[in-house]
C-alpha atoms as a PDB file:
ATOM      1  CA  UNK A   1      56.716 144.375  99.499  1.00  0.00           C
ATOM      2  CA  UNK A   2      58.253 140.894  98.641  1.00  0.00           C
ATOM      3  CA  UNK A   3      57.641 138.257 101.291  1.00  0.00           C
ATOM      4  CA  UNK A   4      60.929 136.472 100.543  1.00  0.00           C
ATOM      5  CA  UNK A   5      64.346 137.801 100.349  1.00  0.00           C
ATOM      6  CA  UNK A   6      67.231 135.452 100.029  1.00  0.00           C
ATOM      7  CA  UNK A   7      70.880 135.598  98.943  1.00  0.00           C
ATOM      8  CA  UNK A   8      72.409 133.110  96.522  1.00  0.00           C
ATOM      9  CA  UNK A   9      76.086 132.802  95.761  1.00  0.00           C
ATOM     10  CA  UNK A  10      76.973 131.533  92.223  1.00  0.00           C
ATOM     11  CA  UNK A  11      80.518 131.243  91.037  1.00  0.00           C
ATOM     12  CA  UNK A  12      81.611 133.594  93.815  1.00  0.00           C
ATOM     13  CA  UNK A  13      79.078 136.352  93.089  1.00  0.00           C
ATOM     14  CA  UNK A  14      76.211 137.182  95.553  1.00  0.00           C
ATOM     15  CA  UNK A  15      72.769 137.561  94.038  1.00  0.00           C
ATOM     16  CA  UNK A  16      69.688 138.900  95.946  1.00  0.00           C
ATOM     17  CA  UNK A  17      66.281 137.351  94.947  1.00  0.00           C
ATOM     18  CA  UNK A  18      63.002 138.674  96.168  1.00  0.00           C
ATOM     19  CA  UNK A  19      59.558 136.991  95.702  1.00  0.00           C
ATOM     20  CA  UNK A  20      56.288 136.800  97.110  1.00  0.00           C
ATOM     21  CA  UNK A  21      55.916 132.943  97.204  1.00  0.00           C
ATOM     22  CA  UNK A  22      58.356 129.815  97.277  1.00  0.00           C
ATOM     23  CA  UNK A  23      57.174 128.806  93.753  1.00  0.00           C
ATOM     24  CA  UNK A  24      58.056 132.345  92.333  1.00  0.00           C
ATOM     25  CA  UNK A  25      61.439 132.189  94.419  1.00  0.00           C
ATOM     26  CA  UNK A  26      62.067 128.762  92.715  1.00  0.00           C
ATOM     27  CA  UNK A  27      61.495 130.098  89.269  1.00  0.00           C
ATOM     28  CA  UNK A  28      63.781 132.973  89.600  1.00  0.00           C
ATOM     29  CA  UNK A  29      66.564 130.934  91.083  1.00  0.00           C
ATOM     30  CA  UNK A  30      66.367 128.395  88.109  1.00  0.00           C
ATOM     31  CA  UNK A  31      65.946 131.294  85.619  1.00  0.00           C
ATOM     32  CA  UNK A  32      69.394 132.841  87.363  1.00  0.00           C
ATOM     33  CA  UNK A  33      71.220 129.373  87.460  1.00  0.00           C
ATOM     34  CA  UNK A  34      70.218 128.876  83.703  1.00  0.00           C
ATOM     35  CA  UNK A  35      71.686 132.262  82.758  1.00  0.00           C
ATOM     36  CA  UNK A  36      74.822 131.593  84.700  1.00  0.00           C
ATOM     37  CA  UNK A  37      75.061 128.177  82.878  1.00  0.00           C
ATOM     38  CA  UNK A  38      74.516 129.712  79.564  1.00  0.00           C
ATOM     39  CA  UNK A  39      77.035 132.307  80.280  1.00  0.00           C
ATOM     40  CA  UNK A  40      79.671 129.741  81.402  1.00  0.00           C
ATOM     41  CA  UNK A  41      79.003 126.548  79.550  1.00  0.00           C
ATOM     42  CA  UNK A  42      82.530 125.289  79.961  1.00  0.00           C
ATOM     43  CA  UNK A  43      82.736 126.086  83.525  1.00  0.00           C
ATOM     44  CA  UNK A  44      83.053 123.367  86.321  1.00  0.00           C
ATOM     45  CA  UNK A  45      81.300 123.155  89.738  1.00  0.00           C
ATOM     46  CA  UNK A  46      82.965 121.841  92.765  1.00  0.00           C
ATOM     47  CA  UNK A  47      80.845 119.053  94.285  1.00  0.00           C
ATOM     48  CA  UNK A  48      81.604 120.814  97.531  1.00  0.00           C
ATOM     49  CA  UNK A  49      80.146 124.130  96.507  1.00  0.00           C
ATOM     50  CA  UNK A  50      77.211 122.467  94.633  1.00  0.00           C
ATOM     51  CA  UNK A  51      76.176 120.218  97.484  1.00  0.00           C
ATOM     52  CA  UNK A  52      76.271 122.928 100.091  1.00  0.00           C
ATOM     53  CA  UNK A  53      74.348 125.480  98.032  1.00  0.00           C
ATOM     54  CA  UNK A  54      71.598 122.896  97.710  1.00  0.00           C
ATOM     55  CA  UNK A  55      71.597 122.166 101.363  1.00  0.00           C
ATOM     56  CA  UNK A  56      71.480 125.918 102.214  1.00  0.00           C
ATOM     57  CA  UNK A  57      69.176 126.989  99.504  1.00  0.00           C
ATOM     58  CA  UNK A  58      66.518 124.270  98.721  1.00  0.00           C
ATOM     59  CA  UNK A  59      66.592 121.817 101.683  1.00  0.00           C
ATOM     60  CA  UNK A  60      67.397 123.399 104.968  1.00  0.00           C
ATOM     61  CA  UNK A  61      64.802 126.215 104.688  1.00  0.00           C
ATOM     62  CA  UNK A  62      61.872 123.721 103.757  1.00  0.00           C
ATOM     63  CA  UNK A  63      62.733 120.939 106.522  1.00  0.00           C
ATOM     64  CA  UNK A  64      62.686 120.391 110.231  1.00  0.00           C
ATOM     65  CA  UNK A  65      65.660 121.478 112.138  1.00  0.00           C
ATOM     66  CA  UNK A  66      66.510 117.888 113.364  1.00  0.00           C
ATOM     67  CA  UNK A  67      66.364 116.707 109.664  1.00  0.00           C
ATOM     68  CA  UNK A  68      68.587 119.427 108.555  1.00  0.00           C
ATOM     69  CA  UNK A  69      71.254 118.668 111.221  1.00  0.00           C
ATOM     70  CA  UNK A  70      71.236 115.199 110.275  1.00  0.00           C
ATOM     71  CA  UNK A  71      71.611 116.175 106.497  1.00  0.00           C
ATOM     72  CA  UNK A  72      74.407 118.447 107.293  1.00  0.00           C
ATOM     73  CA  UNK A  73      76.065 115.943 109.371  1.00  0.00           C
ATOM     74  CA  UNK A  74      75.958 113.362 106.686  1.00  0.00           C
ATOM     75  CA  UNK A  75      77.313 115.695 103.987  1.00  0.00           C
ATOM     76  CA  UNK A  76      80.078 116.829 105.956  1.00  0.00           C
ATOM     77  CA  UNK A  77      80.977 113.399 107.307  1.00  0.00           C
ATOM     78  CA  UNK A  78      80.713 111.399 104.341  1.00  0.00           C
ATOM     79  CA  UNK A  79      80.251 113.033 100.695  1.00  0.00           C
ATOM     80  CA  UNK A  80      82.276 116.056 101.145  1.00  0.00           C
ATOM     81  CA  UNK A  81      85.525 114.186 102.239  1.00  0.00           C
ATOM     82  CA  UNK A  82      84.887 111.273  99.711  1.00  0.00           C
ATOM     83  CA  UNK A  83      84.499 113.963  96.824  1.00  0.00           C
ATOM     84  CA  UNK A  84      87.012 116.492  97.758  1.00  0.00           C
ATOM     85  CA  UNK A  85      88.321 118.473  94.747  1.00  0.00           C
ATOM     86  CA  UNK A  86      86.119 116.786  92.377  1.00  0.00           C
ATOM     87  CA  UNK A  87      83.509 118.660  90.286  1.00  0.00           C
ATOM     88  CA  UNK A  88      80.085 117.644  89.666  1.00  0.00           C
ATOM     89  CA  UNK A  89      80.845 117.180  85.959  1.00  0.00           C
ATOM     90  CA  UNK A  90      83.881 114.861  86.844  1.00  0.00           C
ATOM     91  CA  UNK A  91      81.731 112.722  89.299  1.00  0.00           C
ATOM     92  CA  UNK A  92      80.904 109.200  87.831  1.00  0.00           C
ATOM     93  CA  UNK A  93      78.844 106.255  89.274  1.00  0.00           C
ATOM     94  CA  UNK A  94      82.076 104.422  90.039  1.00  0.00           C
ATOM     95  CA  UNK A  95      82.986 107.245  92.582  1.00  0.00           C
ATOM     96  CA  UNK A  96      79.743 106.953  94.154  1.00  0.00           C
ATOM     97  CA  UNK A  97      79.998 103.170  94.411  1.00  0.00           C
ATOM     98  CA  UNK A  98      83.417 103.200  95.664  1.00  0.00           C
ATOM     99  CA  UNK A  99      82.179 105.551  98.629  1.00  0.00           C
ATOM    100  CA  UNK A 100      79.194 102.862  99.500  1.00  0.00           C
ATOM    101  CA  UNK A 101      81.593 100.088  99.216  1.00  0.00           C
ATOM    102  CA  UNK A 102      83.692 101.521 102.188  1.00  0.00           C
ATOM    103  CA  UNK A 103      80.280 102.051 104.258  1.00  0.00           C
ATOM    104  CA  UNK A 104      79.792  99.034 106.155  1.00  0.00           C
ATOM    105  CA  UNK A 105      77.951  98.308 109.293  1.00  0.00           C
ATOM    106  CA  UNK A 106      74.763  99.854 110.690  1.00  0.00           C
ATOM    107  CA  UNK A 107      76.951 102.731 112.618  1.00  0.00           C
ATOM    108  CA  UNK A 108      78.591 103.688 109.422  1.00  0.00           C
ATOM    109  CA  UNK A 109      75.854 106.372 108.358  1.00  0.00           C
ATOM    110  CA  UNK A 110      73.665 106.119 111.652  1.00  0.00           C
ATOM    111  CA  UNK A 111      70.676 107.218 111.760  1.00  0.00           C
ATOM    112  CA  UNK A 112      70.516 106.456 107.893  1.00  0.00           C
ATOM    113  CA  UNK A 113      71.091 103.219 106.127  1.00  0.00           C
ATOM    114  CA  UNK A 114      73.779 103.085 103.371  1.00  0.00           C
ATOM    115  CA  UNK A 115      70.842 102.743 101.051  1.00  0.00           C
ATOM    116  CA  UNK A 116      69.092 105.782 102.354  1.00  0.00           C
ATOM    117  CA  UNK A 117      72.374 107.671 101.924  1.00  0.00           C
ATOM    118  CA  UNK A 118      72.767 106.338  98.177  1.00  0.00           C
ATOM    119  CA  UNK A 119      69.031 108.155  97.661  1.00  0.00           C
ATOM    120  CA  UNK A 120      70.271 111.223  99.298  1.00  0.00           C
ATOM    121  CA  UNK A 121      73.560 111.645  96.900  1.00  0.00           C
ATOM    122  CA  UNK A 122      71.169 110.850  94.094  1.00  0.00           C
ATOM    123  CA  UNK A 123      68.925 113.545  94.922  1.00  0.00           C
ATOM    124  CA  UNK A 124      71.085 116.539  95.515  1.00  0.00           C
ATOM    125  CA  UNK A 125      69.809 119.162  93.410  1.00  0.00           C
ATOM    126  CA  UNK A 126      66.207 118.445  93.904  1.00  0.00           C
ATOM    127  CA  UNK A 127      64.147 121.397  94.596  1.00  0.00           C
ATOM    128  CA  UNK A 128      61.945 121.476  97.607  1.00  0.00           C
ATOM    129  CA  UNK A 129      59.109 123.842  98.010  1.00  0.00           C
ATOM    130  CA  UNK A 130      56.234 124.408 100.332  1.00  0.00           C
ATOM    131  CA  UNK A 131      54.654 121.124  98.826  1.00  0.00           C
ATOM    132  CA  UNK A 132      57.006 119.268 100.978  1.00  0.00           C
ATOM    133  CA  UNK A 133      54.842 120.170 103.886  1.00  0.00           C
ATOM    134  CA  UNK A 134      52.897 116.959 104.710  1.00  0.00           C
ATOM    135  CA  UNK A 135      49.249 116.369 105.827  1.00  0.00           C
ATOM    136  CA  UNK A 136      48.914 113.073 107.252  1.00  0.00           C
ATOM    137  CA  UNK A 137      45.813 111.042 107.964  1.00  0.00           C
ATOM    138  CA  UNK A 138      45.663 110.598 111.685  1.00  0.00           C
ATOM    139  CA  UNK A 139      44.629 107.002 113.184  1.00  0.00           C
ATOM    140  CA  UNK A 140      42.003 107.068 115.607  1.00  0.00           C
ATOM    141  CA  UNK A 141      44.388 104.781 117.880  1.00  0.00           C
ATOM    142  CA  UNK A 142      47.060 107.674 118.148  1.00  0.00           C
ATOM    143  CA  UNK A 143      44.460 110.506 119.253  1.00  0.00           C
ATOM    144  CA  UNK A 144      44.191 109.517 122.976  1.00  0.00           C
ATOM    145  CA  UNK A 145      48.049 109.651 123.267  1.00  0.00           C
ATOM    146  CA  UNK A 146      48.526 112.685 121.263  1.00  0.00           C
ATOM    147  CA  UNK A 147      46.107 114.534 123.428  1.00  0.00           C
ATOM    148  CA  UNK A 148      48.221 114.129 126.452  1.00  0.00           C
ATOM    149  CA  UNK A 149      51.231 116.205 124.804  1.00  0.00           C
ATOM    150  CA  UNK A 150      51.310 119.704 125.841  1.00  0.00           C
ATOM    151  CA  UNK A 151      51.016 122.373 123.547  1.00  0.00           C
ATOM    152  CA  UNK A 152      54.442 123.460 121.939  1.00  0.00           C
ATOM    153  CA  UNK A 153      56.068 120.230 123.009  1.00  0.00           C
ATOM    154  CA  UNK A 154      57.465 117.327 120.980  1.00  0.00           C
ATOM    155  CA  UNK A 155      55.542 114.368 120.739  1.00  0.00           C
ATOM    156  CA  UNK A 156      58.652 112.409 121.865  1.00  0.00           C
ATOM    157  CA  UNK A 157      60.738 113.803 124.489  1.00  0.00           C
ATOM    158  CA  UNK A 158      58.652 116.598 125.919  1.00  0.00           C
ATOM    159  CA  UNK A 159      60.472 120.259 125.857  1.00  0.00           C
ATOM    160  CA  UNK A 160      63.281 118.651 123.877  1.00  0.00           C
ATOM    161  CA  UNK A 161      63.646 116.108 120.966  1.00  0.00           C
ATOM    162  CA  UNK A 162      64.994 112.498 121.862  1.00  0.00           C
ATOM    163  CA  UNK A 163      68.639 112.180 121.026  1.00  0.00           C
ATOM    164  CA  UNK A 164      69.762 109.666 118.485  1.00  0.00           C
ATOM    165  CA  UNK A 165      71.154 107.636 121.586  1.00  0.00           C
ATOM    166  CA  UNK A 166      67.970 107.613 123.338  1.00  0.00           C
ATOM    167  CA  UNK A 167      66.103 106.516 120.301  1.00  0.00           C
ATOM    168  CA  UNK A 168      68.481 103.763 119.694  1.00  0.00           C
ATOM    169  CA  UNK A 169      68.268 102.623 123.268  1.00  0.00           C
ATOM    170  CA  UNK A 170      64.374 102.552 123.014  1.00  0.00           C
ATOM    171  CA  UNK A 171      64.395 100.456 119.940  1.00  0.00           C
ATOM    172  CA  UNK A 172      67.113  98.081 121.506  1.00  0.00           C
ATOM    173  CA  UNK A 173      64.685  97.491 124.368  1.00  0.00           C
ATOM    174  CA  UNK A 174      61.861  96.947 122.180  1.00  0.00           C
ATOM    175  CA  UNK A 175      63.812  94.408 120.173  1.00  0.00           C
ATOM    176  CA  UNK A 176      64.867  92.686 123.426  1.00  0.00           C
ATOM    177  CA  UNK A 177      61.292  92.697 125.086  1.00  0.00           C
ATOM    178  CA  UNK A 178      59.588  91.145 121.965  1.00  0.00           C
ATOM    179  CA  UNK A 179      62.441  88.764 121.155  1.00  0.00           C
ATOM    180  CA  UNK A 180      63.011  90.211 117.530  1.00  0.00           C
ATOM    181  CA  UNK A 181      66.192  89.021 115.787  1.00  0.00           C
ATOM    182  CA  UNK A 182      66.783  91.894 113.508  1.00  0.00           C
ATOM    183  CA  UNK A 183      67.603  95.789 114.130  1.00  0.00           C
ATOM    184  CA  UNK A 184      64.860  97.937 114.965  1.00  0.00           C
ATOM    185  CA  UNK A 185      64.836 101.721 113.805  1.00  0.00           C
ATOM    186  CA  UNK A 186      62.457 104.413 113.695  1.00  0.00           C
ATOM    187  CA  UNK A 187      62.090 104.222 109.944  1.00  0.00           C
ATOM    188  CA  UNK A 188      61.158 100.457 110.425  1.00  0.00           C
ATOM    189  CA  UNK A 189      57.874 101.163 111.856  1.00  0.00           C
ATOM    190  CA  UNK A 190      56.926 103.303 109.011  1.00  0.00           C
ATOM    191  CA  UNK A 191      58.056 100.728 106.792  1.00  0.00           C
ATOM    192  CA  UNK A 192      55.844  98.275 108.367  1.00  0.00           C
ATOM    193  CA  UNK A 193      52.993 100.388 108.256  1.00  0.00           C
ATOM    194  CA  UNK A 194      53.091 101.017 104.689  1.00  0.00           C
ATOM    195  CA  UNK A 195      53.854  97.450 104.026  1.00  0.00           C
ATOM    196  CA  UNK A 196      50.616  96.450 105.924  1.00  0.00           C
ATOM    197  CA  UNK A 197      48.579  99.132 104.128  1.00  0.00           C
ATOM    198  CA  UNK A 198      49.701  97.640 100.901  1.00  0.00           C
ATOM    199  CA  UNK A 199      48.900  93.885 101.897  1.00  0.00           C
ATOM    200  CA  UNK A 200      45.375  94.835 102.918  1.00  0.00           C
ATOM    201  CA  UNK A 201      44.704  96.957  99.985  1.00  0.00           C
ATOM    202  CA  UNK A 202      46.960  95.831  97.005  1.00  0.00           C
ATOM    203  CA  UNK A 203      46.816  99.699  95.912  1.00  0.00           C
ATOM    204  CA  UNK A 204      50.305 101.093  95.552  1.00  0.00           C
ATOM    205  CA  UNK A 205      49.043 104.466  94.682  1.00  0.00           C
ATOM    206  CA  UNK A 206      47.479 104.525  98.312  1.00  0.00           C
ATOM    207  CA  UNK A 207      50.474 103.413  99.929  1.00  0.00           C
ATOM    208  CA  UNK A 208      52.425 106.118  97.971  1.00  0.00           C
ATOM    209  CA  UNK A 209      49.944 108.869  99.115  1.00  0.00           C
ATOM    210  CA  UNK A 210      50.319 107.667 102.666  1.00  0.00           C
ATOM    211  CA  UNK A 211      54.124 107.947 102.372  1.00  0.00           C
ATOM    212  CA  UNK A 212      53.988 111.363 100.723  1.00  0.00           C
ATOM    213  CA  UNK A 213      56.310 110.096  97.858  1.00  0.00           C
ATOM    214  CA  UNK A 214      56.677 111.566  94.333  1.00  0.00           C
ATOM    215  CA  UNK A 215      56.530 108.193  92.797  1.00  0.00           C
ATOM    216  CA  UNK A 216      55.032 104.850  93.577  1.00  0.00           C
ATOM    217  CA  UNK A 217      58.389 103.346  92.428  1.00  0.00           C
ATOM    218  CA  UNK A 218      59.992 105.000  95.393  1.00  0.00           C
ATOM    219  CA  UNK A 219      57.335 103.379  97.710  1.00  0.00           C
ATOM    220  CA  UNK A 220      58.123  99.862  96.116  1.00  0.00           C
ATOM    221  CA  UNK A 221      61.814 100.245  96.429  1.00  0.00           C
ATOM    222  CA  UNK A 222      62.163 101.535  99.884  1.00  0.00           C
ATOM    223  CA  UNK A 223      59.320 100.942 101.944  1.00  0.00           C
ATOM    224  CA  UNK A 224      56.912  98.150 100.770  1.00  0.00           C
ATOM    225  CA  UNK A 225      58.338  94.701 101.389  1.00  0.00           C
ATOM    226  CA  UNK A 226      55.508  92.589  99.705  1.00  0.00           C
ATOM    227  CA  UNK A 227      55.335  90.053 102.293  1.00  0.00           C
ATOM    228  CA  UNK A 228      52.204  88.374 101.009  1.00  0.00           C
ATOM    229  CA  UNK A 229      54.188  87.998  97.399  1.00  0.00           C
ATOM    230  CA  UNK A 230      57.099  86.429  99.237  1.00  0.00           C
ATOM    231  CA  UNK A 231      54.738  84.022 100.885  1.00  0.00           C
ATOM    232  CA  UNK A 232      53.021  83.034  97.694  1.00  0.00           C
ATOM    233  CA  UNK A 233      56.386  82.628  95.807  1.00  0.00           C
ATOM    234  CA  UNK A 234      57.562  79.960  98.682  1.00  0.00           C
ATOM    235  CA  UNK A 235      54.159  78.283  98.315  1.00  0.00           C
ATOM    236  CA  UNK A 236      54.655  77.934  94.805  1.00  0.00           C
ATOM    237  CA  UNK A 237      58.082  76.231  94.988  1.00  0.00           C
ATOM    238  CA  UNK A 238      56.738  74.258  97.620  1.00  0.00           C
ATOM    239  CA  UNK A 239      54.003  73.086  95.374  1.00  0.00           C
ATOM    240  CA  UNK A 240      56.423  72.485  92.491  1.00  0.00           C
ATOM    241  CA  UNK A 241      58.622  70.090  94.625  1.00  0.00           C
ATOM    242  CA  UNK A 242      56.273  68.292  96.630  1.00  0.00           C
ATOM    243  CA  UNK A 243      54.796  66.198  93.646  1.00  0.00           C
END
């Protein structure tokens, strides 16, 4: 008996897909989509339908509930209204750029930055499978704190996860206590650790593995800031103009 049974609606028609593994399911789904595209090469696909199919079929079943809630909020609040009535085939880079031009300020896409929202748009259509499950290397420094967490509870928040407002207030308090000038967000801690890892090892593949990114280019673009490289560049400038 198949372990996975799901329905997919394509062009208004419901299809049942049965498979024993996520990989088999993905292959059958791709085959089905391919057959639909072959039969209707001239058909167009509304962005709203395409994006929500991606979310419900590929993304939501394979991510945490909190992440899924955030993804859906960003889709319904920003992307779907901006591209209402447009098809995927009609969308251009200019359409996407106009969307981001109007999204200014840290609250526009909270809790994600505009750059991270751009990444979300670029990757609608990516297939996520069980390979998205992460196995992390646990720092010995974290173990004593994790041992205090009760079974079945969240690491932060206890019986219920912290809300966005609670996280923002916590970050604001940290910023105030240490006298930091720039905004602090949870993703910034991840960025800092990956940057420290790269600065210490100069091994971008190691940083990529720690981040669980598919490419090292993603790690360099969105996370590794290259503090030492910036310092060396400043030193060269100082040396050139101090003669």
